[in-house]
Amino acid sequence: MKVVNRFESKYIPVMKFLLNEDYLKYLDTNELQYLIDTLDILIQKTNDIKKSQILQKVKNKIKNTYIQL
């Protein structure tokens, strides 16, 4: 759960670090879905296009790397 808490910091460099260093592999499906839902909310709330694009990339990478269809 510490990984989720760190991710919730909403600080993009932390999110990228956790994702790039493969820390999310330790999360279960529910935790990963929670992160995706949280990212959706952040994307909707931000007025910064660049930040929105980065958050979308992070979300897509989580979905494509960790969520098994």
PDB file of N, CA and C in Angstrom:
ATOM      1  N   MET A   1       0.820  -1.201   0.000  1.00  0.00           N
ATOM      2  CA  MET A   1       0.000   0.000   0.000  1.00  0.00           C
ATOM      3  C   MET A   1       0.866   1.267   0.000  1.00  0.00           C
ATOM      4  N   LYS A   2       2.100   1.144   0.430  1.00  0.00           N
ATOM      5  CA  LYS A   2       2.977   2.316   0.427  1.00  0.00           C
ATOM      6  C   LYS A   2       3.197   2.843  -0.985  1.00  0.00           C
ATOM      7  N   VAL A   3       3.241   1.934  -1.950  1.00  0.00           N
ATOM      8  CA  VAL A   3       3.412   2.353  -3.332  1.00  0.00           C
ATOM      9  C   VAL A   3       2.208   3.185  -3.763  1.00  0.00           C
ATOM     10  N   VAL A   4       1.023   2.742  -3.400  1.00  0.00           N
ATOM     11  CA  VAL A   4      -0.190   3.491  -3.737  1.00  0.00           C
ATOM     12  C   VAL A   4      -0.160   4.860  -3.068  1.00  0.00           C
ATOM     13  N   ASN A   5       0.238   4.905  -1.816  1.00  0.00           N
ATOM     14  CA  ASN A   5       0.316   6.189  -1.100  1.00  0.00           C
ATOM     15  C   ASN A   5       1.291   7.142  -1.772  1.00  0.00           C
ATOM     16  N   ARG A   6       2.408   6.617  -2.205  1.00  0.00           N
ATOM     17  CA  ARG A   6       3.388   7.464  -2.889  1.00  0.00           C
ATOM     18  C   ARG A   6       2.830   7.961  -4.225  1.00  0.00           C
ATOM     19  N   PHE A   7       2.141   7.077  -4.901  1.00  0.00           N
ATOM     20  CA  PHE A   7       1.547   7.444  -6.175  1.00  0.00           C
ATOM     21  C   PHE A   7       0.495   8.531  -5.985  1.00  0.00           C
ATOM     22  N   GLU A   8      -0.228   8.451  -4.889  1.00  0.00           N
ATOM     23  CA  GLU A   8      -1.277   9.428  -4.598  1.00  0.00           C
ATOM     24  C   GLU A   8      -0.729  10.818  -4.281  1.00  0.00           C
ATOM     25  N   SER A   9       0.564  10.937  -4.169  1.00  0.00           N
ATOM     26  CA  SER A   9       1.153  12.252  -3.900  1.00  0.00           C
ATOM     27  C   SER A   9       0.807  13.246  -5.008  1.00  0.00           C
ATOM     28  N   LYS A  10       0.415  12.710  -6.166  1.00  0.00           N
ATOM     29  CA  LYS A  10       0.049  13.507  -7.344  1.00  0.00           C
ATOM     30  C   LYS A  10       1.244  14.266  -7.920  1.00  0.00           C
ATOM     31  N   TYR A  11       2.406  13.887  -7.494  1.00  0.00           N
ATOM     32  CA  TYR A  11       3.629  14.511  -7.973  1.00  0.00           C
ATOM     33  C   TYR A  11       4.148  13.661  -9.141  1.00  0.00           C
ATOM     34  N   ILE A  12       4.108  14.205 -10.322  1.00  0.00           N
ATOM     35  CA  ILE A  12       4.385  13.447 -11.541  1.00  0.00           C
ATOM     36  C   ILE A  12       5.753  12.765 -11.534  1.00  0.00           C
ATOM     37  N   PRO A  13       6.825  13.412 -11.078  1.00  0.00           N
ATOM     38  CA  PRO A  13       8.111  12.690 -11.055  1.00  0.00           C
ATOM     39  C   PRO A  13       8.068  11.419 -10.185  1.00  0.00           C
ATOM     40  N   VAL A  14       7.320  11.448  -9.103  1.00  0.00           N
ATOM     41  CA  VAL A  14       7.189  10.260  -8.253  1.00  0.00           C
ATOM     42  C   VAL A  14       6.419   9.181  -8.998  1.00  0.00           C
ATOM     43  N   MET A  15       5.336   9.563  -9.655  1.00  0.00           N
ATOM     44  CA  MET A  15       4.554   8.595 -10.431  1.00  0.00           C
ATOM     45  C   MET A  15       5.423   7.938 -11.502  1.00  0.00           C
ATOM     46  N   LYS A  16       6.175   8.746 -12.213  1.00  0.00           N
ATOM     47  CA  LYS A  16       7.033   8.224 -13.283  1.00  0.00           C
ATOM     48  C   LYS A  16       8.104   7.287 -12.720  1.00  0.00           C
ATOM     49  N   PHE A  17       8.678   7.685 -11.604  1.00  0.00           N
ATOM     50  CA  PHE A  17       9.705   6.847 -10.977  1.00  0.00           C
ATOM     51  C   PHE A  17       9.130   5.487 -10.597  1.00  0.00           C
ATOM     52  N   LEU A  18       7.995   5.485  -9.924  1.00  0.00           N
ATOM     53  CA  LEU A  18       7.379   4.226  -9.504  1.00  0.00           C
ATOM     54  C   LEU A  18       7.047   3.344 -10.701  1.00  0.00           C
ATOM     55  N   LEU A  19       6.576   3.968 -11.739  1.00  0.00           N
ATOM     56  CA  LEU A  19       6.220   3.223 -12.943  1.00  0.00           C
ATOM     57  C   LEU A  19       7.469   2.707 -13.666  1.00  0.00           C
ATOM     58  N   ASN A  20       8.438   3.562 -13.863  1.00  0.00           N
ATOM     59  CA  ASN A  20       9.646   3.188 -14.600  1.00  0.00           C
ATOM     60  C   ASN A  20      10.516   2.182 -13.856  1.00  0.00           C
ATOM     61  N   GLU A  21      10.474   2.232 -12.530  1.00  0.00           N
ATOM     62  CA  GLU A  21      11.279   1.302 -11.728  1.00  0.00           C
ATOM     63  C   GLU A  21      10.512   0.023 -11.394  1.00  0.00           C
ATOM     64  N   ASP A  22       9.331  -0.119 -11.981  1.00  0.00           N
ATOM     65  CA  ASP A  22       8.539  -1.351 -11.904  1.00  0.00           C
ATOM     66  C   ASP A  22       7.994  -1.661 -10.505  1.00  0.00           C
ATOM     67  N   TYR A  23       7.793  -0.651  -9.701  1.00  0.00           N
ATOM     68  CA  TYR A  23       7.225  -0.859  -8.374  1.00  0.00           C
ATOM     69  C   TYR A  23       5.761  -1.284  -8.429  1.00  0.00           C
ATOM     70  N   LEU A  24       5.084  -0.973  -9.506  1.00  0.00           N
ATOM     71  CA  LEU A  24       3.662  -1.292  -9.594  1.00  0.00           C
ATOM     72  C   LEU A  24       3.402  -2.786  -9.770  1.00  0.00           C
ATOM     73  N   LYS A  25       4.430  -3.537 -10.078  1.00  0.00           N
ATOM     74  CA  LYS A  25       4.244  -4.982 -10.236  1.00  0.00           C
ATOM     75  C   LYS A  25       3.851  -5.647  -8.919  1.00  0.00           C
ATOM     76  N   TYR A  26       4.043  -4.955  -7.820  1.00  0.00           N
ATOM     77  CA  TYR A  26       3.703  -5.504  -6.511  1.00  0.00           C
ATOM     78  C   TYR A  26       2.246  -5.243  -6.118  1.00  0.00           C
ATOM     79  N   LEU A  27       1.525  -4.528  -6.954  1.00  0.00           N
ATOM     80  CA  LEU A  27       0.138  -4.188  -6.639  1.00  0.00           C
ATOM     81  C   LEU A  27      -0.809  -5.229  -7.215  1.00  0.00           C
ATOM     82  N   ASP A  28      -1.929  -5.402  -6.522  1.00  0.00           N
ATOM     83  CA  ASP A  28      -2.935  -6.315  -7.070  1.00  0.00           C
ATOM     84  C   ASP A  28      -3.828  -5.547  -8.044  1.00  0.00           C
ATOM     85  N   THR A  29      -4.721  -6.262  -8.681  1.00  0.00           N
ATOM     86  CA  THR A  29      -5.576  -5.670  -9.712  1.00  0.00           C
ATOM     87  C   THR A  29      -6.433  -4.532  -9.160  1.00  0.00           C
ATOM     88  N   ASN A  30      -6.950  -4.693  -7.957  1.00  0.00           N
ATOM     89  CA  ASN A  30      -7.781  -3.639  -7.355  1.00  0.00           C
ATOM     90  C   ASN A  30      -6.991  -2.366  -7.116  1.00  0.00           C
ATOM     91  N   GLU A  31      -5.767  -2.509  -6.656  1.00  0.00           N
ATOM     92  CA  GLU A  31      -4.918  -1.337  -6.427  1.00  0.00           C
ATOM     93  C   GLU A  31      -4.560  -0.652  -7.741  1.00  0.00           C
ATOM     94  N   LEU A  32      -4.275  -1.438  -8.748  1.00  0.00           N
ATOM     95  CA  LEU A  32      -3.974  -0.867 -10.064  1.00  0.00           C
ATOM     96  C   LEU A  32      -5.186  -0.133 -10.632  1.00  0.00           C
ATOM     97  N   GLN A  33      -6.346  -0.728 -10.478  1.00  0.00           N
ATOM     98  CA  GLN A  33      -7.562  -0.071 -10.961  1.00  0.00           C
ATOM     99  C   GLN A  33      -7.818   1.227 -10.194  1.00  0.00           C
ATOM    100  N   TYR A  34      -7.529   1.213  -8.914  1.00  0.00           N
ATOM    101  CA  TYR A  34      -7.660   2.425  -8.104  1.00  0.00           C
ATOM    102  C   TYR A  34      -6.750   3.535  -8.650  1.00  0.00           C
ATOM    103  N   LEU A  35      -5.521   3.177  -8.994  1.00  0.00           N
ATOM    104  CA  LEU A  35      -4.595   4.171  -9.554  1.00  0.00           C
ATOM    105  C   LEU A  35      -5.123   4.711 -10.878  1.00  0.00           C
ATOM    106  N   ILE A  36      -5.654   3.852 -11.705  1.00  0.00           N
ATOM    107  CA  ILE A  36      -6.213   4.284 -12.989  1.00  0.00           C
ATOM    108  C   ILE A  36      -7.391   5.228 -12.763  1.00  0.00           C
ATOM    109  N   ASP A  37      -8.249   4.876 -11.824  1.00  0.00           N
ATOM    110  CA  ASP A  37      -9.394   5.746 -11.509  1.00  0.00           C
ATOM    111  C   ASP A  37      -8.936   7.097 -10.969  1.00  0.00           C
ATOM    112  N   THR A  38      -7.924   7.059 -10.137  1.00  0.00           N
ATOM    113  CA  THR A  38      -7.368   8.305  -9.588  1.00  0.00           C
ATOM    114  C   THR A  38      -6.780   9.164 -10.702  1.00  0.00           C
ATOM    115  N   LEU A  39      -6.081   8.544 -11.622  1.00  0.00           N
ATOM    116  CA  LEU A  39      -5.521   9.281 -12.755  1.00  0.00           C
ATOM    117  C   LEU A  39      -6.622   9.894 -13.619  1.00  0.00           C
ATOM    118  N   ASP A  40      -7.700   9.153 -13.820  1.00  0.00           N
ATOM    119  CA  ASP A  40      -8.829   9.698 -14.584  1.00  0.00           C
ATOM    120  C   ASP A  40      -9.348  10.987 -13.951  1.00  0.00           C
ATOM    121  N   ILE A  41      -9.476  10.972 -12.643  1.00  0.00           N
ATOM    122  CA  ILE A  41      -9.960  12.163 -11.926  1.00  0.00           C
ATOM    123  C   ILE A  41      -8.966  13.312 -12.076  1.00  0.00           C
ATOM    124  N   LEU A  42      -7.688  13.023 -11.907  1.00  0.00           N
ATOM    125  CA  LEU A  42      -6.670  14.068 -12.043  1.00  0.00           C
ATOM    126  C   LEU A  42      -6.658  14.644 -13.456  1.00  0.00           C
ATOM    127  N   ILE A  43      -6.803  13.790 -14.445  1.00  0.00           N
ATOM    128  CA  ILE A  43      -6.815  14.246 -15.839  1.00  0.00           C
ATOM    129  C   ILE A  43      -7.993  15.189 -16.074  1.00  0.00           C
ATOM    130  N   GLN A  44      -9.136  14.838 -15.541  1.00  0.00           N
ATOM    131  CA  GLN A  44     -10.332  15.660 -15.717  1.00  0.00           C
ATOM    132  C   GLN A  44     -10.222  17.004 -14.997  1.00  0.00           C
ATOM    133  N   LYS A  45      -9.542  17.007 -13.865  1.00  0.00           N
ATOM    134  CA  LYS A  45      -9.489  18.223 -13.042  1.00  0.00           C
ATOM    135  C   LYS A  45      -8.406  19.209 -13.457  1.00  0.00           C
ATOM    136  N   THR A  46      -7.416  18.739 -14.187  1.00  0.00           N
ATOM    137  CA  THR A  46      -6.319  19.637 -14.518  1.00  0.00           C
ATOM    138  C   THR A  46      -6.666  20.532 -15.716  1.00  0.00           C
ATOM    139  N   ASN A  47      -6.185  21.744 -15.648  1.00  0.00           N
ATOM    140  CA  ASN A  47      -6.342  22.695 -16.751  1.00  0.00           C
ATOM    141  C   ASN A  47      -5.063  22.806 -17.577  1.00  0.00           C
ATOM    142  N   ASP A  48      -4.047  22.090 -17.132  1.00  0.00           N
ATOM    143  CA  ASP A  48      -2.743  22.123 -17.786  1.00  0.00           C
ATOM    144  C   ASP A  48      -2.684  20.989 -18.810  1.00  0.00           C
ATOM    145  N   ILE A  49      -2.641  21.347 -20.090  1.00  0.00           N
ATOM    146  CA  ILE A  49      -2.674  20.351 -21.165  1.00  0.00           C
ATOM    147  C   ILE A  49      -1.465  19.423 -21.093  1.00  0.00           C
ATOM    148  N   LYS A  50      -0.298  19.969 -20.851  1.00  0.00           N
ATOM    149  CA  LYS A  50       0.909  19.146 -20.777  1.00  0.00           C
ATOM    150  C   LYS A  50       0.809  18.142 -19.626  1.00  0.00           C
ATOM    151  N   LYS A  51       0.375  18.602 -18.481  1.00  0.00           N
ATOM    152  CA  LYS A  51       0.215  17.708 -17.333  1.00  0.00           C
ATOM    153  C   LYS A  51      -0.820  16.632 -17.635  1.00  0.00           C
ATOM    154  N   SER A  52      -1.893  17.011 -18.274  1.00  0.00           N
ATOM    155  CA  SER A  52      -2.937  16.061 -18.642  1.00  0.00           C
ATOM    156  C   SER A  52      -2.387  14.985 -19.572  1.00  0.00           C
ATOM    157  N   GLN A  53      -1.571  15.382 -20.523  1.00  0.00           N
ATOM    158  CA  GLN A  53      -0.977  14.427 -21.465  1.00  0.00           C
ATOM    159  C   GLN A  53      -0.030  13.464 -20.752  1.00  0.00           C
ATOM    160  N   ILE A  54       0.743  13.974 -19.824  1.00  0.00           N
ATOM    161  CA  ILE A  54       1.664  13.123 -19.066  1.00  0.00           C
ATOM    162  C   ILE A  54       0.879  12.121 -18.222  1.00  0.00           C
ATOM    163  N   LEU A  55      -0.153  12.603 -17.547  1.00  0.00           N
ATOM    164  CA  LEU A  55      -0.983  11.717 -16.729  1.00  0.00           C
ATOM    165  C   LEU A  55      -1.647  10.646 -17.588  1.00  0.00           C
ATOM    166  N   GLN A  56      -2.075  11.011 -18.778  1.00  0.00           N
ATOM    167  CA  GLN A  56      -2.691  10.054 -19.687  1.00  0.00           C
ATOM    168  C   GLN A  56      -1.682   8.984 -20.107  1.00  0.00           C
ATOM    169  N   LYS A  57      -0.447   9.390 -20.366  1.00  0.00           N
ATOM    170  CA  LYS A  57       0.599   8.432 -20.728  1.00  0.00           C
ATOM    171  C   LYS A  57       0.882   7.470 -19.581  1.00  0.00           C
ATOM    172  N   VAL A  58       0.928   8.002 -18.359  1.00  0.00           N
ATOM    173  CA  VAL A  58       1.148   7.161 -17.182  1.00  0.00           C
ATOM    174  C   VAL A  58       0.001   6.155 -17.058  1.00  0.00           C
ATOM    175  N   LYS A  59      -1.203   6.637 -17.190  1.00  0.00           N
ATOM    176  CA  LYS A  59      -2.383   5.766 -17.106  1.00  0.00           C
ATOM    177  C   LYS A  59      -2.336   4.673 -18.158  1.00  0.00           C
ATOM    178  N   ASN A  60      -2.034   5.038 -19.386  1.00  0.00           N
ATOM    179  CA  ASN A  60      -1.969   4.058 -20.475  1.00  0.00           C
ATOM    180  C   ASN A  60      -0.875   3.020 -20.239  1.00  0.00           C
ATOM    181  N   LYS A  61       0.240   3.471 -19.717  1.00  0.00           N
ATOM    182  CA  LYS A  61       1.328   2.529 -19.453  1.00  0.00           C
ATOM    183  C   LYS A  61       0.924   1.536 -18.370  1.00  0.00           C
ATOM    184  N   ILE A  62       0.239   2.007 -17.360  1.00  0.00           N
ATOM    185  CA  ILE A  62      -0.249   1.090 -16.308  1.00  0.00           C
ATOM    186  C   ILE A  62      -1.199   0.072 -16.919  1.00  0.00           C
ATOM    187  N   LYS A  63      -2.137   0.558 -17.698  1.00  0.00           N
ATOM    188  CA  LYS A  63      -3.112  -0.345 -18.309  1.00  0.00           C
ATOM    189  C   LYS A  63      -2.452  -1.352 -19.234  1.00  0.00           C
ATOM    190  N   ASN A  64      -1.527  -0.897 -20.044  1.00  0.00           N
ATOM    191  CA  ASN A  64      -0.894  -1.761 -21.027  1.00  0.00           C
ATOM    192  C   ASN A  64       0.142  -2.721 -20.425  1.00  0.00           C
ATOM    193  N   THR A  65       0.719  -2.335 -19.311  1.00  0.00           N
ATOM    194  CA  THR A  65       1.786  -3.138 -18.726  1.00  0.00           C
ATOM    195  C   THR A  65       1.275  -4.086 -17.647  1.00  0.00           C
ATOM    196  N   TYR A  66       0.323  -3.629 -16.851  1.00  0.00           N
ATOM    197  CA  TYR A  66      -0.037  -4.387 -15.657  1.00  0.00           C
ATOM    198  C   TYR A  66      -1.432  -4.976 -15.648  1.00  0.00           C
ATOM    199  N   ILE A  67      -2.339  -4.431 -16.408  1.00  0.00           N
ATOM    200  CA  ILE A  67      -3.709  -4.931 -16.398  1.00  0.00           C
ATOM    201  C   ILE A  67      -3.835  -6.004 -17.471  1.00  0.00           C
ATOM    202  N   GLN A  68      -4.139  -7.195 -17.041  1.00  0.00           N
ATOM    203  CA  GLN A  68      -4.319  -8.314 -17.971  1.00  0.00           C
ATOM    204  C   GLN A  68      -5.756  -8.363 -18.443  1.00  0.00           C
ATOM    205  N   LEU A  69      -5.945  -8.350 -19.733  1.00  0.00           N
ATOM    206  CA  LEU A  69      -7.297  -8.414 -20.305  1.00  0.00           C
ATOM    207  C   LEU A  69      -7.725  -9.848 -20.507  1.00  0.00           C
TER     208      LEU A  69
END
